[in-house]
Full PDB file with SEQRES, HELIX, SHEET, SSBOND, CRYST1, ORIGX, SCALE, CONECT and MASTER records, all heavy atoms in Angstrom:
SEQRES   1 A   39  PHE ALA ARG LEU LEU GLY ALA GLN ARG SER THR VAL SER          
SEQRES   2 A   39  GLU ALA ALA HIS GLN LEU LYS ALA ARG ALA LEU ILE ASP          
SEQRES   3 A   39  TYR ARG ARG GLY GLN ILE LEU ILE ARG ASP ARG SER GLY          
HELIX    1 AA1 ALA A    2  LEU A    5  1                                   4    
HELIX    2 AA2 ARG A    9  ALA A   21  1                                  13    
SHEET    1 AA1 2 ILE A  25  ARG A  28  0                                        
SHEET    2 AA1 2 GLN A  31  ILE A  34 -1                                        
CRYST1    1.000    1.000    1.000  90.00  90.00  90.00 P 1           1          
ORIGX1      1.000000  0.000000  0.000000        0.00000                         
ORIGX2      0.000000  1.000000  0.000000        0.00000                         
ORIGX3      0.000000  0.000000  1.000000        0.00000                         
SCALE1      1.000000  0.000000  0.000000        0.00000                         
SCALE2      0.000000  1.000000  0.000000        0.00000                         
SCALE3      0.000000  0.000000  1.000000        0.00000                         
ATOM      1  N   PHE A   1     105.994 -16.168 229.710  1.00  0.00           N  
ATOM      2  CA  PHE A   1     105.977 -16.406 231.145  1.00  0.00           C  
ATOM      3  C   PHE A   1     107.386 -16.401 231.710  1.00  0.00           C  
ATOM      4  O   PHE A   1     107.633 -15.847 232.785  1.00  0.00           O  
ATOM      5  CB  PHE A   1     105.299 -17.742 231.459  1.00  0.00           C  
ATOM      6  CG  PHE A   1     103.834 -17.610 231.750  1.00  0.00           C  
ATOM      7  CD1 PHE A   1     102.893 -18.222 230.941  1.00  0.00           C  
ATOM      8  CD2 PHE A   1     103.387 -16.858 232.821  1.00  0.00           C  
ATOM      9  CE1 PHE A   1     101.552 -18.085 231.196  1.00  0.00           C  
ATOM     10  CE2 PHE A   1     102.042 -16.719 233.091  1.00  0.00           C  
ATOM     11  CZ  PHE A   1     101.113 -17.340 232.271  1.00  0.00           C  
ATOM     12  N   ALA A   2     108.306 -17.027 230.996  1.00  0.00           N  
ATOM     13  CA  ALA A   2     109.687 -17.074 231.475  1.00  0.00           C  
ATOM     14  C   ALA A   2     110.260 -15.666 231.608  1.00  0.00           C  
ATOM     15  O   ALA A   2     110.946 -15.349 232.595  1.00  0.00           O  
ATOM     16  CB  ALA A   2     110.537 -17.920 230.535  1.00  0.00           C  
ATOM     17  N   ARG A   3     109.976 -14.790 230.623  1.00  0.00           N  
ATOM     18  CA  ARG A   3     110.479 -13.416 230.686  1.00  0.00           C  
ATOM     19  C   ARG A   3     109.867 -12.659 231.852  1.00  0.00           C  
ATOM     20  O   ARG A   3     110.548 -11.923 232.574  1.00  0.00           O  
ATOM     21  CB  ARG A   3     110.185 -12.682 229.373  1.00  0.00           C  
ATOM     22  CG  ARG A   3     110.998 -13.158 228.182  1.00  0.00           C  
ATOM     23  CD  ARG A   3     110.998 -12.130 227.080  1.00  0.00           C  
ATOM     24  NE  ARG A   3     109.672 -11.811 226.601  1.00  0.00           N  
ATOM     25  CZ  ARG A   3     109.067 -12.436 225.598  1.00  0.00           C  
ATOM     26  NH1 ARG A   3     109.690 -13.430 224.973  1.00  0.00           N  
ATOM     27  NH2 ARG A   3     107.864 -12.086 225.203  1.00  0.00           N  
ATOM     28  N   LEU A   4     108.569 -12.838 232.067  1.00  0.00           N  
ATOM     29  CA  LEU A   4     107.897 -12.129 233.148  1.00  0.00           C  
ATOM     30  C   LEU A   4     108.352 -12.606 234.525  1.00  0.00           C  
ATOM     31  O   LEU A   4     108.462 -11.820 235.461  1.00  0.00           O  
ATOM     32  CB  LEU A   4     106.381 -12.307 233.028  1.00  0.00           C  
ATOM     33  CG  LEU A   4     105.672 -11.438 231.988  1.00  0.00           C  
ATOM     34  CD1 LEU A   4     104.270 -11.953 231.742  1.00  0.00           C  
ATOM     35  CD2 LEU A   4     105.630  -9.990 232.418  1.00  0.00           C  
ATOM     36  N   LEU A   5     108.631 -13.895 234.634  1.00  0.00           N  
ATOM     37  CA  LEU A   5     108.983 -14.468 235.918  1.00  0.00           C  
ATOM     38  C   LEU A   5     110.477 -14.428 236.186  1.00  0.00           C  
ATOM     39  O   LEU A   5     110.921 -14.730 237.293  1.00  0.00           O  
ATOM     40  CB  LEU A   5     108.497 -15.918 235.992  1.00  0.00           C  
ATOM     41  CG  LEU A   5     106.976 -16.118 235.952  1.00  0.00           C  
ATOM     42  CD1 LEU A   5     106.639 -17.589 235.824  1.00  0.00           C  
ATOM     43  CD2 LEU A   5     106.333 -15.544 237.197  1.00  0.00           C  
ATOM     44  N   GLY A   6     111.252 -14.077 235.173  1.00  0.00           N  
ATOM     45  CA  GLY A   6     112.696 -14.074 235.342  1.00  0.00           C  
ATOM     46  C   GLY A   6     113.245 -15.468 235.563  1.00  0.00           C  
ATOM     47  O   GLY A   6     114.189 -15.661 236.338  1.00  0.00           O  
ATOM     48  N   ALA A   7     112.647 -16.463 234.890  1.00  0.00           N  
ATOM     49  CA  ALA A   7     113.035 -17.860 235.073  1.00  0.00           C  
ATOM     50  C   ALA A   7     113.409 -18.481 233.730  1.00  0.00           C  
ATOM     51  O   ALA A   7     113.089 -17.934 232.660  1.00  0.00           O  
ATOM     52  CB  ALA A   7     111.900 -18.653 235.718  1.00  0.00           C  
ATOM     53  N   GLN A   8     114.055 -19.626 233.780  1.00  0.00           N  
ATOM     54  CA  GLN A   8     114.373 -20.356 232.562  1.00  0.00           C  
ATOM     55  C   GLN A   8     113.099 -20.926 231.957  1.00  0.00           C  
ATOM     56  O   GLN A   8     112.174 -21.325 232.677  1.00  0.00           O  
ATOM     57  CB  GLN A   8     115.352 -21.494 232.868  1.00  0.00           C  
ATOM     58  CG  GLN A   8     116.716 -21.037 233.361  1.00  0.00           C  
ATOM     59  CD  GLN A   8     117.501 -20.332 232.265  1.00  0.00           C  
ATOM     60  OE1 GLN A   8     117.398 -20.681 231.081  1.00  0.00           O  
ATOM     61  NE2 GLN A   8     118.277 -19.324 232.655  1.00  0.00           N  
ATOM     62  N   ARG A   9     113.064 -20.993 230.632  1.00  0.00           N  
ATOM     63  CA  ARG A   9     111.879 -21.537 229.972  1.00  0.00           C  
ATOM     64  C   ARG A   9     111.621 -22.974 230.400  1.00  0.00           C  
ATOM     65  O   ARG A   9     110.473 -23.389 230.592  1.00  0.00           O  
ATOM     66  CB  ARG A   9     112.048 -21.467 228.448  1.00  0.00           C  
ATOM     67  CG  ARG A   9     110.807 -21.927 227.684  1.00  0.00           C  
ATOM     68  CD  ARG A   9     111.049 -21.986 226.182  1.00  0.00           C  
ATOM     69  NE  ARG A   9     109.857 -22.373 225.457  1.00  0.00           N  
ATOM     70  CZ  ARG A   9     109.425 -23.619 225.342  1.00  0.00           C  
ATOM     71  NH1 ARG A   9     110.097 -24.598 225.924  1.00  0.00           N  
ATOM     72  NH2 ARG A   9     108.319 -23.891 224.666  1.00  0.00           N  
ATOM     73  N   SER A  10     112.681 -23.763 230.570  1.00  0.00           N  
ATOM     74  CA  SER A  10     112.512 -25.160 230.973  1.00  0.00           C  
ATOM     75  C   SER A  10     111.871 -25.266 232.355  1.00  0.00           C  
ATOM     76  O   SER A  10     111.071 -26.173 232.620  1.00  0.00           O  
ATOM     77  CB  SER A  10     113.863 -25.875 230.965  1.00  0.00           C  
ATOM     78  OG  SER A  10     114.779 -25.226 231.835  1.00  0.00           O  
ATOM     79  N   THR A  11     112.210 -24.333 233.251  1.00  0.00           N  
ATOM     80  CA  THR A  11     111.634 -24.326 234.597  1.00  0.00           C  
ATOM     81  C   THR A  11     110.150 -23.999 234.541  1.00  0.00           C  
ATOM     82  O   THR A  11     109.321 -24.628 235.223  1.00  0.00           O  
ATOM     83  CB  THR A  11     112.352 -23.295 235.482  1.00  0.00           C  
ATOM     84  OG1 THR A  11     113.748 -23.577 235.481  1.00  0.00           O  
ATOM     85  CG2 THR A  11     111.839 -23.341 236.910  1.00  0.00           C  
ATOM     86  N   VAL A  12     109.792 -23.010 233.699  1.00  0.00           N  
ATOM     87  CA  VAL A  12     108.383 -22.653 233.536  1.00  0.00           C  
ATOM     88  C   VAL A  12     107.615 -23.789 232.876  1.00  0.00           C  
ATOM     89  O   VAL A  12     106.473 -24.088 233.249  1.00  0.00           O  
ATOM     90  CB  VAL A  12     108.259 -21.353 232.719  1.00  0.00           C  
ATOM     91  CG1 VAL A  12     106.802 -21.054 232.397  1.00  0.00           C  
ATOM     92  CG2 VAL A  12     108.874 -20.186 233.488  1.00  0.00           C  
ATOM     93  N   SER A  13     108.227 -24.459 231.915  1.00  0.00           N  
ATOM     94  CA  SER A  13     107.580 -25.595 231.240  1.00  0.00           C  
ATOM     95  C   SER A  13     107.267 -26.707 232.235  1.00  0.00           C  
ATOM     96  O   SER A  13     106.195 -27.323 232.184  1.00  0.00           O  
ATOM     97  CB  SER A  13     108.476 -26.128 230.120  1.00  0.00           C  
ATOM     98  OG  SER A  13     108.650 -25.161 229.117  1.00  0.00           O  
ATOM     99  N   GLU A  14     108.201 -26.973 233.136  1.00  0.00           N  
ATOM    100  CA  GLU A  14     107.974 -28.010 234.145  1.00  0.00           C  
ATOM    101  C   GLU A  14     106.831 -27.621 235.076  1.00  0.00           C  
ATOM    102  O   GLU A  14     105.995 -28.460 235.441  1.00  0.00           O  
ATOM    103  CB  GLU A  14     109.252 -28.246 234.940  1.00  0.00           C  
ATOM    104  CG  GLU A  14     109.107 -29.210 236.113  1.00  0.00           C  
ATOM    105  CD  GLU A  14     108.605 -30.592 235.706  1.00  0.00           C  
ATOM    106  OE1 GLU A  14     108.856 -31.016 234.555  1.00  0.00           O  
ATOM    107  OE2 GLU A  14     107.947 -31.244 236.548  1.00  0.00           O  
ATOM    108  N   ALA A  15     106.767 -26.339 235.463  1.00  0.00           N  
ATOM    109  CA  ALA A  15     105.677 -25.880 236.327  1.00  0.00           C  
ATOM    110  C   ALA A  15     104.334 -26.004 235.607  1.00  0.00           C  
ATOM    111  O   ALA A  15     103.342 -26.463 236.198  1.00  0.00           O  
ATOM    112  CB  ALA A  15     105.918 -24.433 236.744  1.00  0.00           C  
ATOM    113  N   ALA A  16     104.294 -25.623 234.335  1.00  0.00           N  
ATOM    114  CA  ALA A  16     103.058 -25.747 233.563  1.00  0.00           C  
ATOM    115  C   ALA A  16     102.649 -27.210 233.434  1.00  0.00           C  
ATOM    116  O   ALA A  16     101.456 -27.543 233.491  1.00  0.00           O  
ATOM    117  CB  ALA A  16     103.244 -25.114 232.185  1.00  0.00           C  
ATOM    118  N   HIS A  17     103.639 -28.099 233.261  1.00  0.00           N  
ATOM    119  CA  HIS A  17     103.346 -29.529 233.164  1.00  0.00           C  
ATOM    120  C   HIS A  17     102.727 -30.040 234.462  1.00  0.00           C  
ATOM    121  O   HIS A  17     101.778 -30.843 234.440  1.00  0.00           O  
ATOM    122  CB  HIS A  17     104.625 -30.299 232.848  1.00  0.00           C  
ATOM    123  CG  HIS A  17     104.429 -31.783 232.756  1.00  0.00           C  
ATOM    124  ND1 HIS A  17     103.808 -32.393 231.678  1.00  0.00           N  
ATOM    125  CD2 HIS A  17     104.750 -32.791 233.627  1.00  0.00           C  
ATOM    126  CE1 HIS A  17     103.762 -33.693 231.877  1.00  0.00           C  
ATOM    127  NE2 HIS A  17     104.325 -33.961 233.045  1.00  0.00           N  
ATOM    128  N   GLN A  18     103.234 -29.580 235.597  1.00  0.00           N  
ATOM    129  CA  GLN A  18     102.671 -29.993 236.884  1.00  0.00           C  
ATOM    130  C   GLN A  18     101.229 -29.521 237.031  1.00  0.00           C  
ATOM    131  O   GLN A  18     100.367 -30.262 237.520  1.00  0.00           O  
ATOM    132  CB  GLN A  18     103.524 -29.443 238.027  1.00  0.00           C  
ATOM    133  CG  GLN A  18     104.903 -30.059 238.148  1.00  0.00           C  
ATOM    134  CD  GLN A  18     105.661 -29.490 239.336  1.00  0.00           C  
ATOM    135  OE1 GLN A  18     105.115 -29.335 240.429  1.00  0.00           O  
ATOM    136  NE2 GLN A  18     106.933 -29.164 239.134  1.00  0.00           N  
ATOM    137  N   LEU A  19     100.957 -28.299 236.623  1.00  0.00           N  
ATOM    138  CA  LEU A  19      99.586 -27.781 236.707  1.00  0.00           C  
ATOM    139  C   LEU A  19      98.647 -28.530 235.779  1.00  0.00           C  
ATOM    140  O   LEU A  19      97.490 -28.800 236.129  1.00  0.00           O  
ATOM    141  CB  LEU A  19      99.576 -26.283 236.383  1.00  0.00           C  
ATOM    142  CG  LEU A  19     100.339 -25.375 237.360  1.00  0.00           C  
ATOM    143  CD1 LEU A  19     100.368 -23.944 236.852  1.00  0.00           C  
ATOM    144  CD2 LEU A  19      99.729 -25.438 238.758  1.00  0.00           C  
ATOM    145  N   LYS A  20      99.154 -28.905 234.607  1.00  0.00           N  
ATOM    146  CA  LYS A  20      98.337 -29.696 233.680  1.00  0.00           C  
ATOM    147  C   LYS A  20      98.083 -31.082 234.237  1.00  0.00           C  
ATOM    148  O   LYS A  20      96.966 -31.625 234.119  1.00  0.00           O  
ATOM    149  CB  LYS A  20      99.036 -29.780 232.329  1.00  0.00           C  
ATOM    150  CG  LYS A  20      98.241 -30.528 231.268  1.00  0.00           C  
ATOM    151  CD  LYS A  20      98.950 -30.519 229.927  1.00  0.00           C  
ATOM    152  CE  LYS A  20      98.120 -31.241 228.858  1.00  0.00           C  
ATOM    153  NZ  LYS A  20      98.818 -31.245 227.540  1.00  0.00           N  
ATOM    154  N   ALA A  21      99.081 -31.695 234.857  1.00  0.00           N  
ATOM    155  CA  ALA A  21      98.928 -33.030 235.434  1.00  0.00           C  
ATOM    156  C   ALA A  21      97.883 -33.046 236.542  1.00  0.00           C  
ATOM    157  O   ALA A  21      97.224 -34.066 236.780  1.00  0.00           O  
ATOM    158  CB  ALA A  21     100.272 -33.528 235.962  1.00  0.00           C  
ATOM    159  N   ARG A  22      97.734 -31.905 237.225  1.00  0.00           N  
ATOM    160  CA  ARG A  22      96.716 -31.795 238.280  1.00  0.00           C  
ATOM    161  C   ARG A  22      95.353 -31.398 237.722  1.00  0.00           C  
ATOM    162  O   ARG A  22      94.416 -31.147 238.490  1.00  0.00           O  
ATOM    163  CB  ARG A  22      97.150 -30.760 239.319  1.00  0.00           C  
ATOM    164  CG  ARG A  22      98.459 -31.072 240.020  1.00  0.00           C  
ATOM    165  CD  ARG A  22      98.745 -30.031 241.101  1.00  0.00           C  
ATOM    166  NE  ARG A  22     100.118 -30.085 241.559  1.00  0.00           N  
ATOM    167  CZ  ARG A  22     100.617 -29.336 242.525  1.00  0.00           C  
ATOM    168  NH1 ARG A  22      99.825 -28.472 243.166  1.00  0.00           N  
ATOM    169  NH2 ARG A  22     101.886 -29.419 242.889  1.00  0.00           N  
ATOM    170  N   ALA A  23      95.240 -31.306 236.395  1.00  0.00           N  
ATOM    171  CA  ALA A  23      93.992 -30.934 235.706  1.00  0.00           C  
ATOM    172  C   ALA A  23      93.551 -29.522 236.055  1.00  0.00           C  
ATOM    173  O   ALA A  23      92.357 -29.207 236.025  1.00  0.00           O  
ATOM    174  CB  ALA A  23      92.875 -31.931 236.008  1.00  0.00           C  
ATOM    175  N   LEU A  24      94.517 -28.658 236.387  1.00  0.00           N  
ATOM    176  CA  LEU A  24      94.194 -27.257 236.681  1.00  0.00           C  
ATOM    177  C   LEU A  24      94.200 -26.418 235.415  1.00  0.00           C  
ATOM    178  O   LEU A  24      93.462 -25.426 235.322  1.00  0.00           O  
ATOM    179  CB  LEU A  24      95.193 -26.694 237.685  1.00  0.00           C  
ATOM    180  CG  LEU A  24      95.285 -27.419 239.029  1.00  0.00           C  
ATOM    181  CD1 LEU A  24      96.302 -26.739 239.935  1.00  0.00           C  
ATOM    182  CD2 LEU A  24      93.922 -27.486 239.702  1.00  0.00           C  
ATOM    183  N   ILE A  25      95.048 -26.765 234.462  1.00  0.00           N  
ATOM    184  CA  ILE A  25      95.126 -26.045 233.192  1.00  0.00           C  
ATOM    185  C   ILE A  25      95.301 -27.041 232.055  1.00  0.00           C  
ATOM    186  O   ILE A  25      95.610 -28.220 232.270  1.00  0.00           O  
ATOM    187  CB  ILE A  25      96.307 -25.042 233.158  1.00  0.00           C  
ATOM    188  CG1 ILE A  25      97.657 -25.796 233.170  1.00  0.00           C  
ATOM    189  CG2 ILE A  25      96.225 -24.052 234.310  1.00  0.00           C  
ATOM    190  CD1 ILE A  25      98.857 -24.905 232.874  1.00  0.00           C  
ATOM    191  N   ASP A  26      95.104 -26.548 230.866  1.00  0.00           N  
ATOM    192  CA  ASP A  26      95.485 -27.267 229.655  1.00  0.00           C  
ATOM    193  C   ASP A  26      96.156 -26.247 228.753  1.00  0.00           C  
ATOM    194  O   ASP A  26      95.899 -25.042 228.882  1.00  0.00           O  
ATOM    195  CB  ASP A  26      94.266 -27.878 228.962  1.00  0.00           C  
ATOM    196  CG  ASP A  26      94.644 -28.990 227.996  1.00  0.00           C  
ATOM    197  OD1 ASP A  26      95.863 -29.266 227.859  1.00  0.00           O  
ATOM    198  OD2 ASP A  26      93.745 -29.575 227.388  1.00  0.00           O  
ATOM    199  N   TYR A  27      97.012 -26.682 227.873  1.00  0.00           N  
ATOM    200  CA  TYR A  27      97.700 -25.716 227.025  1.00  0.00           C  
ATOM    201  C   TYR A  27      98.130 -26.325 225.709  1.00  0.00           C  
ATOM    202  O   TYR A  27      98.328 -27.534 225.585  1.00  0.00           O  
ATOM    203  CB  TYR A  27      98.927 -25.113 227.745  1.00  0.00           C  
ATOM    204  CG  TYR A  27      99.964 -26.121 228.198  1.00  0.00           C  
ATOM    205  CD1 TYR A  27     100.938 -26.596 227.317  1.00  0.00           C  
ATOM    206  CD2 TYR A  27      99.991 -26.574 229.505  1.00  0.00           C  
ATOM    207  CE1 TYR A  27     101.888 -27.514 227.738  1.00  0.00           C  
ATOM    208  CE2 TYR A  27     100.935 -27.485 229.935  1.00  0.00           C  
ATOM    209  CZ  TYR A  27     101.884 -27.949 229.046  1.00  0.00           C  
ATOM    210  OH  TYR A  27     102.824 -28.866 229.456  1.00  0.00           O  
ATOM    211  N   ARG A  28      98.189 -25.459 224.734  1.00  0.00           N  
ATOM    212  CA  ARG A  28      98.816 -25.748 223.450  1.00  0.00           C  
ATOM    213  C   ARG A  28      99.609 -24.504 223.097  1.00  0.00           C  
ATOM    214  O   ARG A  28      99.510 -23.495 223.788  1.00  0.00           O  
ATOM    215  CB  ARG A  28      97.780 -26.065 222.377  1.00  0.00           C  
ATOM    216  CG  ARG A  28      96.812 -24.933 222.081  1.00  0.00           C  
ATOM    217  CD  ARG A  28      95.768 -25.345 221.063  1.00  0.00           C  
ATOM    218  NE  ARG A  28      94.906 -26.400 221.580  1.00  0.00           N  
ATOM    219  CZ  ARG A  28      93.946 -26.978 220.867  1.00  0.00           C  
ATOM    220  NH1 ARG A  28      93.774 -26.635 219.597  1.00  0.00           N  
ATOM    221  NH2 ARG A  28      93.173 -27.910 221.395  1.00  0.00           N  
ATOM    222  N   ARG A  29     100.378 -24.555 222.057  1.00  0.00           N  
ATOM    223  CA  ARG A  29     101.286 -23.452 221.762  1.00  0.00           C  
ATOM    224  C   ARG A  29     100.532 -22.119 221.660  1.00  0.00           C  
ATOM    225  O   ARG A  29      99.632 -21.962 220.852  1.00  0.00           O  
ATOM    226  CB  ARG A  29     102.046 -23.730 220.466  1.00  0.00           C  
ATOM    227  CG  ARG A  29     103.068 -22.657 220.147  1.00  0.00           C  
ATOM    228  CD  ARG A  29     104.028 -23.095 219.065  1.00  0.00           C  
ATOM    229  NE  ARG A  29     105.007 -22.050 218.784  1.00  0.00           N  
ATOM    230  CZ  ARG A  29     106.090 -21.837 219.504  1.00  0.00           C  
ATOM    231  NH1 ARG A  29     106.345 -22.594 220.548  1.00  0.00           N  
ATOM    232  NH2 ARG A  29     106.943 -20.874 219.191  1.00  0.00           N  
ATOM    233  N   GLY A  30     100.918 -21.170 222.515  1.00  0.00           N  
ATOM    234  CA  GLY A  30     100.364 -19.827 222.450  1.00  0.00           C  
ATOM    235  C   GLY A  30      99.042 -19.645 223.161  1.00  0.00           C  
ATOM    236  O   GLY A  30      98.502 -18.541 223.186  1.00  0.00           O  
ATOM    237  N   GLN A  31      98.494 -20.723 223.749  1.00  0.00           N  
ATOM    238  CA  GLN A  31      97.191 -20.593 224.401  1.00  0.00           C  
ATOM    239  C   GLN A  31      97.122 -21.503 225.625  1.00  0.00           C  
ATOM    240  O   GLN A  31      97.546 -22.662 225.582  1.00  0.00           O  
ATOM    241  CB  GLN A  31      96.068 -20.938 223.432  1.00  0.00           C  
ATOM    242  CG  GLN A  31      94.681 -20.622 223.960  1.00  0.00           C  
ATOM    243  CD  GLN A  31      93.613 -20.809 222.911  1.00  0.00           C  
ATOM    244  OE1 GLN A  31      92.974 -21.852 222.858  1.00  0.00           O  
ATOM    245  NE2 GLN A  31      93.410 -19.800 222.073  1.00  0.00           N  
ATOM    246  N   ILE A  32      96.591 -20.965 226.716  1.00  0.00           N  
ATOM    247  CA  ILE A  32      96.432 -21.708 227.962  1.00  0.00           C  
ATOM    248  C   ILE A  32      94.969 -21.640 228.366  1.00  0.00           C  
ATOM    249  O   ILE A  32      94.348 -20.574 228.324  1.00  0.00           O  
ATOM    250  CB  ILE A  32      97.315 -21.114 229.073  1.00  0.00           C  
ATOM    251  CG1 ILE A  32      98.799 -21.178 228.668  1.00  0.00           C  
ATOM    252  CG2 ILE A  32      97.103 -21.866 230.389  1.00  0.00           C  
ATOM    253  CD1 ILE A  32      99.714 -20.418 229.599  1.00  0.00           C  
ATOM    254  N   LEU A  33      94.411 -22.780 228.756  1.00  0.00           N  
ATOM    255  CA  LEU A  33      93.029 -22.857 229.224  1.00  0.00           C  
ATOM    256  C   LEU A  33      93.028 -23.169 230.714  1.00  0.00           C  
ATOM    257  O   LEU A  33      93.610 -24.164 231.146  1.00  0.00           O  
ATOM    258  CB  LEU A  33      92.269 -23.956 228.468  1.00  0.00           C  
ATOM    259  CG  LEU A  33      90.849 -24.262 228.985  1.00  0.00           C  
ATOM    260  CD1 LEU A  33      89.926 -23.059 228.781  1.00  0.00           C  
ATOM    261  CD2 LEU A  33      90.286 -25.504 228.309  1.00  0.00           C  
ATOM    262  N   ILE A  34      92.407 -22.307 231.505  1.00  0.00           N  
ATOM    263  CA  ILE A  34      92.261 -22.559 232.937  1.00  0.00           C  
ATOM    264  C   ILE A  34      91.045 -23.457 233.136  1.00  0.00           C  
ATOM    265  O   ILE A  34      89.915 -23.081 232.827  1.00  0.00           O  
ATOM    266  CB  ILE A  34      92.121 -21.245 233.718  1.00  0.00           C  
ATOM    267  CG1 ILE A  34      93.420 -20.434 233.615  1.00  0.00           C  
ATOM    268  CG2 ILE A  34      91.783 -21.523 235.187  1.00  0.00           C  
ATOM    269  CD1 ILE A  34      93.387 -19.106 234.338  1.00  0.00           C  
ATOM    270  N   ARG A  35      91.284 -24.639 233.680  1.00  0.00           N  
ATOM    271  CA  ARG A  35      90.220 -25.631 233.871  1.00  0.00           C  
ATOM    272  C   ARG A  35      89.650 -25.585 235.287  1.00  0.00           C  
ATOM    273  O   ARG A  35      88.493 -25.923 235.506  1.00  0.00           O  
ATOM    274  CB  ARG A  35      90.750 -27.028 233.570  1.00  0.00           C  
ATOM    275  CG  ARG A  35      91.253 -27.210 232.145  1.00  0.00           C  
ATOM    276  CD  ARG A  35      91.950 -28.546 231.981  1.00  0.00           C  
ATOM    277  NE  ARG A  35      91.051 -29.645 232.256  1.00  0.00           N  
ATOM    278  CZ  ARG A  35      90.338 -30.279 231.321  1.00  0.00           C  
ATOM    279  NH1 ARG A  35      90.451 -29.909 230.054  1.00  0.00           N  
ATOM    280  NH2 ARG A  35      89.538 -31.273 231.639  1.00  0.00           N  
ATOM    281  N   ASP A  36      90.462 -25.206 236.265  1.00  0.00           N  
ATOM    282  CA  ASP A  36      90.033 -25.232 237.658  1.00  0.00           C  
ATOM    283  C   ASP A  36      90.602 -24.000 238.353  1.00  0.00           C  
ATOM    284  O   ASP A  36      91.716 -24.018 238.869  1.00  0.00           O  
ATOM    285  CB  ASP A  36      90.527 -26.516 238.331  1.00  0.00           C  
ATOM    286  CG  ASP A  36      90.074 -26.653 239.786  1.00  0.00           C  
ATOM    287  OD1 ASP A  36      89.502 -25.682 240.334  1.00  0.00           O  
ATOM    288  OD2 ASP A  36      90.309 -27.728 240.380  1.00  0.00           O  
ATOM    289  N   ARG A  37      89.823 -22.928 238.361  1.00  0.00           N  
ATOM    290  CA  ARG A  37      90.307 -21.672 238.943  1.00  0.00           C  
ATOM    291  C   ARG A  37      90.571 -21.797 240.442  1.00  0.00           C  
ATOM    292  O   ARG A  37      91.594 -21.348 240.942  1.00  0.00           O  
ATOM    293  CB  ARG A  37      89.302 -20.551 238.678  1.00  0.00           C  
ATOM    294  CG  ARG A  37      89.770 -19.218 239.255  1.00  0.00           C  
ATOM    295  CD  ARG A  37      88.709 -18.147 239.185  1.00  0.00           C  
ATOM    296  NE  ARG A  37      89.175 -16.959 239.881  1.00  0.00           N  
ATOM    297  CZ  ARG A  37      89.707 -15.903 239.306  1.00  0.00           C  
ATOM    298  NH1 ARG A  37      89.826 -15.854 237.989  1.00  0.00           N  
ATOM    299  NH2 ARG A  37      90.122 -14.877 240.019  1.00  0.00           N  
ATOM    300  N   SER A  38      89.642 -22.409 241.173  1.00  0.00           N  
ATOM    301  CA  SER A  38      89.821 -22.526 242.621  1.00  0.00           C  
ATOM    302  C   SER A  38      91.048 -23.370 242.956  1.00  0.00           C  
ATOM    303  O   SER A  38      91.789 -23.062 243.903  1.00  0.00           O  
ATOM    304  CB  SER A  38      88.572 -23.111 243.282  1.00  0.00           C  
ATOM    305  OG  SER A  38      88.298 -24.413 242.783  1.00  0.00           O  
ATOM    306  N   GLY A  39      91.288 -24.428 242.172  1.00  0.00           N  
ATOM    307  CA  GLY A  39      92.475 -25.242 242.381  1.00  0.00           C  
ATOM    308  C   GLY A  39      93.739 -24.453 242.104  1.00  0.00           C  
ATOM    309  O   GLY A  39      94.748 -24.596 242.811  1.00  0.00           O  
TER     310      GLY A  39                                                      
MASTER        0    0    0    2    2    0    0    6  309    1    0    3          
END                                                                             
């Protein structure tokens, strides 16, 4: 994701953490689960 977005990995990690905190996604290494598509 960081390579595709042209962003630092830490910045992408923080964004993913925010999405997980909102229960929109869940993730483990190498795999992301979309929990709430509309959200």
